[in-house]
């Protein structure tokens, strides 16, 4: 059973401004070096090293060695889900205080709201619209208890080119399909191993590409054509 002390310790680790900046930088699903994370958090490499050690010891980060380099990533999808939930609650708090009216949303913010990565799956207006269309068509079922893909949905995704076999690794305990509350749209997008497989397909087929230095992704012209035909998303790209 989770102790109150362990719960408080995890919350304190995430609540530090420097560590929060590092964790947010890793929410696009990639692994980054200590130097890159130091830059993202605005601290020295030495300071970053201490914070990374704490996050790794607590099981929030995992470290991988490749040659002379050490790369840090979020330890699991559960960590990413926790962080996205915190972002969602934080956004609700800002709106509740009426401070959202004072926020000036710049081009980067608009891009993040339109389409971004949430760890290893897609989030933002485009992702929520995809979830909405599939729900309306009876291809997926999303509820607070979890998610399910219907036979119609499985055939649709297979025809679209999503590798469903890769989305269902036998040894994985990860949920195949689940809803993830979108912090900007406040409605669910598709997560789980299915969400990750769909996201990977979008990148592999050139429908989307990452925007350097941010979680935002751009829907390419090819992607707009394919996704609009598949999901009727023309308005989501504006």
Foldseek 3Di string as FASTA:
>chain_A
DDDPVLVVLVVVLCPDQLSVQLQQLQQLQDWAFLVVSCVSSVHDSVVSVVSVVSCVVSQQWDWDDDPPTITIHGNDVVSLLVSQVVLLVVLVVCVVVVNVVVDDQDPVNVLVQLWFGSNQFIAHLLQQLQVVQCVVVVQKDADPVFIDGDPVVVVLVVVLPQDVCQLCDPPDPKDSWYWRQHSNVRGTGIDISSRNSVSVVCVVVVQWADDPPHRGIAGDPVNLVSCCVSRVCVVSND
